Amino acid sequence: MGNNCKFSFYWAYNFSYRNDIQLWGKEGSIFIDKISSKKSGMLPVTFHKNKYGEDQKEYFKSSDHFSLMLDNFHGGIKNEKICKTQAEFI
């Protein structure tokens, strides 16, 4: 996907959403199931498909992604450079 991919991701209680994500590009696509919540011990996996339709899976270490997201947010609000970058993105 390169370094030119930007997107916004919204999540909220009592808000209708699908718990997956698909990214499409010129060279292929990526699909991730249960992007915002996973059962404890579930092994995260992304499904890649190149422009020829060939599939590939990539597995990641299982962790508490919600906690990691909150830790990242908390660290970001204390960092002036990150706040400025996010404000420019919005």
N, C-alpha and C. Protein backbone atom coordinates (compact mmCIF):
# COMPACT_ATOMS: atom_id res chain seq x y z
N MET A 1 0.81 -1.19 0.00
CA MET A 1 0.00 0.00 0.00
C MET A 1 0.86 1.26 0.00
N GLY A 2 2.12 1.14 0.34
CA GLY A 2 3.01 2.30 0.32
C GLY A 2 2.78 3.22 1.50
N ASN A 3 3.34 4.40 1.42
CA ASN A 3 3.22 5.38 2.50
C ASN A 3 2.16 6.43 2.23
N ASN A 4 1.35 6.25 1.20
CA ASN A 4 0.37 7.27 0.82
C ASN A 4 -1.06 6.89 1.20
N CYS A 5 -1.22 5.96 2.11
CA CYS A 5 -2.55 5.50 2.49
C CYS A 5 -2.98 6.17 3.79
N LYS A 6 -4.10 6.89 3.74
CA LYS A 6 -4.67 7.51 4.94
C LYS A 6 -6.13 7.13 5.01
N PHE A 7 -6.61 6.90 6.22
CA PHE A 7 -8.02 6.62 6.41
C PHE A 7 -8.41 7.00 7.83
N SER A 8 -9.69 7.16 8.05
CA SER A 8 -10.22 7.44 9.38
C SER A 8 -10.99 6.22 9.85
N PHE A 9 -10.85 5.91 11.12
CA PHE A 9 -11.48 4.75 11.71
C PHE A 9 -12.33 5.22 12.88
N TYR A 10 -13.63 5.02 12.82
CA TYR A 10 -14.53 5.47 13.87
C TYR A 10 -15.12 4.27 14.59
N TRP A 11 -15.18 4.36 15.92
CA TRP A 11 -15.74 3.30 16.73
C TRP A 11 -16.47 3.93 17.89
N ALA A 12 -17.64 3.39 18.24
CA ALA A 12 -18.40 3.94 19.36
C ALA A 12 -19.42 2.91 19.85
N TYR A 13 -19.84 3.07 21.09
CA TYR A 13 -20.93 2.26 21.62
C TYR A 13 -22.23 2.70 20.97
N ASN A 14 -23.16 1.76 20.83
CA ASN A 14 -24.48 2.03 20.25
C ASN A 14 -24.39 2.64 18.86
N PHE A 15 -23.40 2.23 18.11
CA PHE A 15 -23.18 2.72 16.76
C PHE A 15 -23.06 1.51 15.84
N SER A 16 -23.82 1.47 14.78
CA SER A 16 -23.79 0.34 13.88
C SER A 16 -22.48 0.31 13.09
N TYR A 17 -21.79 -0.80 13.13
CA TYR A 17 -20.55 -0.94 12.37
C TYR A 17 -20.26 -2.41 12.10
N ARG A 18 -19.41 -2.65 11.13
CA ARG A 18 -18.92 -4.00 10.86
C ARG A 18 -17.58 -4.13 11.55
N ASN A 19 -17.33 -5.27 12.10
CA ASN A 19 -16.10 -5.49 12.85
C ASN A 19 -15.03 -6.10 11.94
N ASP A 20 -14.83 -5.49 10.80
CA ASP A 20 -13.78 -5.92 9.88
C ASP A 20 -13.35 -4.72 9.05
N ILE A 21 -12.29 -4.90 8.31
CA ILE A 21 -11.82 -3.82 7.45
C ILE A 21 -11.26 -4.43 6.17
N GLN A 22 -11.49 -3.74 5.06
CA GLN A 22 -10.92 -4.12 3.78
C GLN A 22 -10.24 -2.90 3.18
N LEU A 23 -9.00 -3.06 2.77
CA LEU A 23 -8.25 -2.00 2.10
C LEU A 23 -7.94 -2.47 0.69
N TRP A 24 -8.24 -1.65 -0.29
CA TRP A 24 -8.02 -1.99 -1.69
C TRP A 24 -7.02 -1.02 -2.29
N GLY A 25 -6.10 -1.54 -3.09
CA GLY A 25 -5.13 -0.71 -3.77
C GLY A 25 -4.86 -1.24 -5.17
N LYS A 26 -3.98 -0.58 -5.88
CA LYS A 26 -3.64 -0.99 -7.25
C LYS A 26 -2.98 -2.35 -7.30
N GLU A 27 -2.22 -2.69 -6.26
CA GLU A 27 -1.45 -3.93 -6.25
C GLU A 27 -2.14 -5.08 -5.53
N GLY A 28 -3.30 -4.83 -4.92
CA GLY A 28 -4.00 -5.91 -4.24
C GLY A 28 -4.89 -5.39 -3.12
N SER A 29 -5.25 -6.28 -2.19
CA SER A 29 -6.14 -5.91 -1.10
C SER A 29 -5.72 -6.60 0.19
N ILE A 30 -6.21 -6.07 1.30
CA ILE A 30 -5.97 -6.64 2.63
C ILE A 30 -7.33 -6.71 3.33
N PHE A 31 -7.59 -7.82 4.01
CA PHE A 31 -8.82 -8.00 4.79
C PHE A 31 -8.44 -8.41 6.20
N ILE A 32 -9.05 -7.75 7.20
CA ILE A 32 -8.82 -8.12 8.60
C ILE A 32 -10.18 -8.30 9.26
N ASP A 33 -10.44 -9.49 9.81
CA ASP A 33 -11.68 -9.80 10.51
C ASP A 33 -11.54 -9.43 11.98
N LYS A 34 -12.61 -9.00 12.60
CA LYS A 34 -12.63 -8.63 14.01
C LYS A 34 -11.53 -7.62 14.33
N ILE A 35 -11.52 -6.53 13.57
CA ILE A 35 -10.47 -5.52 13.68
C ILE A 35 -10.46 -4.82 15.04
N SER A 36 -11.62 -4.56 15.64
CA SER A 36 -11.64 -3.76 16.86
C SER A 36 -11.86 -4.57 18.14
N SER A 37 -12.15 -5.86 18.04
CA SER A 37 -12.30 -6.66 19.25
C SER A 37 -12.04 -8.13 18.91
N LYS A 38 -11.33 -8.76 19.80
CA LYS A 38 -10.99 -10.17 19.62
C LYS A 38 -11.16 -10.90 20.94
N LYS A 39 -11.57 -12.15 20.89
CA LYS A 39 -11.65 -12.95 22.10
C LYS A 39 -10.24 -13.18 22.64
N SER A 40 -10.15 -13.35 23.94
CA SER A 40 -8.85 -13.60 24.56
C SER A 40 -8.19 -14.82 23.93
N GLY A 41 -6.94 -14.68 23.57
CA GLY A 41 -6.19 -15.79 22.98
C GLY A 41 -6.37 -15.95 21.48
N MET A 42 -7.24 -15.14 20.86
CA MET A 42 -7.45 -15.24 19.41
C MET A 42 -6.22 -14.72 18.67
N LEU A 43 -5.72 -15.47 17.74
CA LEU A 43 -4.55 -15.10 16.97
C LEU A 43 -4.96 -14.19 15.81
N PRO A 44 -4.54 -12.90 15.83
CA PRO A 44 -4.89 -11.99 14.74
C PRO A 44 -4.25 -12.42 13.42
N VAL A 45 -5.00 -12.30 12.35
CA VAL A 45 -4.49 -12.67 11.03
C VAL A 45 -5.01 -11.67 9.99
N THR A 46 -4.15 -11.30 9.04
CA THR A 46 -4.58 -10.49 7.90
C THR A 46 -4.53 -11.37 6.66
N PHE A 47 -5.46 -11.13 5.76
CA PHE A 47 -5.53 -11.87 4.50
C PHE A 47 -5.16 -10.91 3.38
N HIS A 48 -4.10 -11.22 2.67
CA HIS A 48 -3.62 -10.39 1.56
C HIS A 48 -3.97 -11.08 0.25
N LYS A 49 -4.34 -10.30 -0.73
CA LYS A 49 -4.59 -10.83 -2.07
C LYS A 49 -3.89 -9.90 -3.05
N ASN A 50 -2.97 -10.45 -3.85
CA ASN A 50 -2.26 -9.59 -4.80
C ASN A 50 -3.10 -9.37 -6.05
N LYS A 51 -2.59 -8.58 -6.99
CA LYS A 51 -3.37 -8.23 -8.18
C LYS A 51 -3.66 -9.43 -9.08
N TYR A 52 -2.99 -10.55 -8.83
CA TYR A 52 -3.24 -11.78 -9.59
C TYR A 52 -4.22 -12.71 -8.88
N GLY A 53 -4.72 -12.29 -7.71
CA GLY A 53 -5.68 -13.09 -6.96
C GLY A 53 -5.05 -14.12 -6.04
N GLU A 54 -3.72 -14.10 -5.90
CA GLU A 54 -3.03 -15.05 -5.04
C GLU A 54 -3.17 -14.62 -3.59
N ASP A 55 -3.54 -15.57 -2.71
CA ASP A 55 -3.77 -15.30 -1.30
C ASP A 55 -2.53 -15.52 -0.45
N GLN A 56 -2.43 -14.75 0.64
CA GLN A 56 -1.37 -14.91 1.62
C GLN A 56 -1.94 -14.51 2.98
N LYS A 57 -1.58 -15.23 4.04
CA LYS A 57 -2.00 -14.90 5.39
C LYS A 57 -0.80 -14.43 6.19
N GLU A 58 -1.03 -13.47 7.09
CA GLU A 58 0.03 -13.02 7.98
C GLU A 58 -0.54 -13.01 9.40
N TYR A 59 0.11 -13.75 10.31
CA TYR A 59 -0.35 -13.86 11.69
C TYR A 59 0.43 -12.90 12.59
N PHE A 60 -0.23 -12.44 13.65
CA PHE A 60 0.38 -11.52 14.59
C PHE A 60 0.24 -12.05 16.01
N LYS A 61 1.06 -11.54 16.90
CA LYS A 61 1.02 -11.93 18.31
C LYS A 61 -0.33 -11.53 18.91
N SER A 62 -0.93 -12.43 19.68
CA SER A 62 -2.19 -12.14 20.35
C SER A 62 -1.93 -11.19 21.52
N SER A 63 -2.76 -10.16 21.64
CA SER A 63 -2.62 -9.20 22.74
C SER A 63 -3.94 -8.48 22.96
N ASP A 64 -4.01 -7.70 24.01
CA ASP A 64 -5.21 -6.92 24.32
C ASP A 64 -5.16 -5.63 23.49
N HIS A 65 -5.72 -5.66 22.29
CA HIS A 65 -5.62 -4.54 21.38
C HIS A 65 -6.36 -3.30 21.87
N PHE A 66 -7.43 -3.49 22.62
CA PHE A 66 -8.16 -2.33 23.16
C PHE A 66 -7.28 -1.59 24.16
N SER A 67 -6.60 -2.34 25.03
CA SER A 67 -5.69 -1.72 25.99
C SER A 67 -4.53 -1.02 25.28
N LEU A 68 -3.97 -1.65 24.25
CA LEU A 68 -2.89 -1.03 23.48
C LEU A 68 -3.36 0.26 22.82
N MET A 69 -4.59 0.26 22.31
CA MET A 69 -5.14 1.46 21.68
C MET A 69 -5.26 2.59 22.70
N LEU A 70 -5.75 2.28 23.90
CA LEU A 70 -5.88 3.30 24.93
C LEU A 70 -4.51 3.81 25.39
N ASP A 71 -3.55 2.91 25.54
CA ASP A 71 -2.18 3.31 25.90
C ASP A 71 -1.60 4.24 24.85
N ASN A 72 -1.81 3.91 23.58
CA ASN A 72 -1.31 4.74 22.48
C ASN A 72 -1.96 6.12 22.50
N PHE A 73 -3.27 6.16 22.72
CA PHE A 73 -3.99 7.43 22.79
C PHE A 73 -3.48 8.27 23.95
N HIS A 74 -3.33 7.64 25.12
CA HIS A 74 -2.87 8.35 26.31
C HIS A 74 -1.47 8.93 26.09
N GLY A 75 -0.58 8.16 25.50
CA GLY A 75 0.76 8.65 25.21
C GLY A 75 0.75 9.77 24.20
N GLY A 76 -0.18 9.70 23.25
CA GLY A 76 -0.26 10.70 22.20
C GLY A 76 -0.73 12.06 22.69
N ILE A 77 -1.66 12.08 23.65
CA ILE A 77 -2.17 13.37 24.12
C ILE A 77 -1.13 14.12 24.95
N LYS A 78 -0.09 13.43 25.39
CA LYS A 78 0.98 14.08 26.14
C LYS A 78 2.13 14.52 25.25
N ASN A 79 2.06 14.19 23.96
CA ASN A 79 3.14 14.47 23.03
C ASN A 79 2.68 15.57 22.06
N GLU A 80 3.29 16.74 22.17
CA GLU A 80 2.88 17.89 21.36
C GLU A 80 3.02 17.62 19.85
N LYS A 81 4.08 16.94 19.45
CA LYS A 81 4.29 16.64 18.03
C LYS A 81 3.18 15.73 17.49
N ILE A 82 2.81 14.71 18.25
CA ILE A 82 1.74 13.79 17.83
C ILE A 82 0.42 14.53 17.76
N CYS A 83 0.13 15.38 18.75
CA CYS A 83 -1.12 16.17 18.74
C CYS A 83 -1.20 17.05 17.51
N LYS A 84 -0.08 17.70 17.16
CA LYS A 84 -0.07 18.58 15.99
C LYS A 84 -0.30 17.77 14.70
N THR A 85 0.35 16.63 14.59
CA THR A 85 0.18 15.77 13.41
C THR A 85 -1.27 15.31 13.27
N GLN A 86 -1.88 14.89 14.39
CA GLN A 86 -3.27 14.44 14.35
C GLN A 86 -4.22 15.58 13.99
N ALA A 87 -3.95 16.77 14.52
CA ALA A 87 -4.79 17.94 14.21
C ALA A 87 -4.71 18.28 12.73
N GLU A 88 -3.53 18.16 12.14
CA GLU A 88 -3.38 18.42 10.71
C GLU A 88 -4.09 17.37 9.87
N PHE A 89 -4.09 16.13 10.34
CA PHE A 89 -4.75 15.03 9.63
C PHE A 89 -6.26 15.23 9.61
N ILE A 90 -6.80 15.69 10.73
CA ILE A 90 -8.26 15.90 10.85
C ILE A 90 -8.66 17.08 10.00
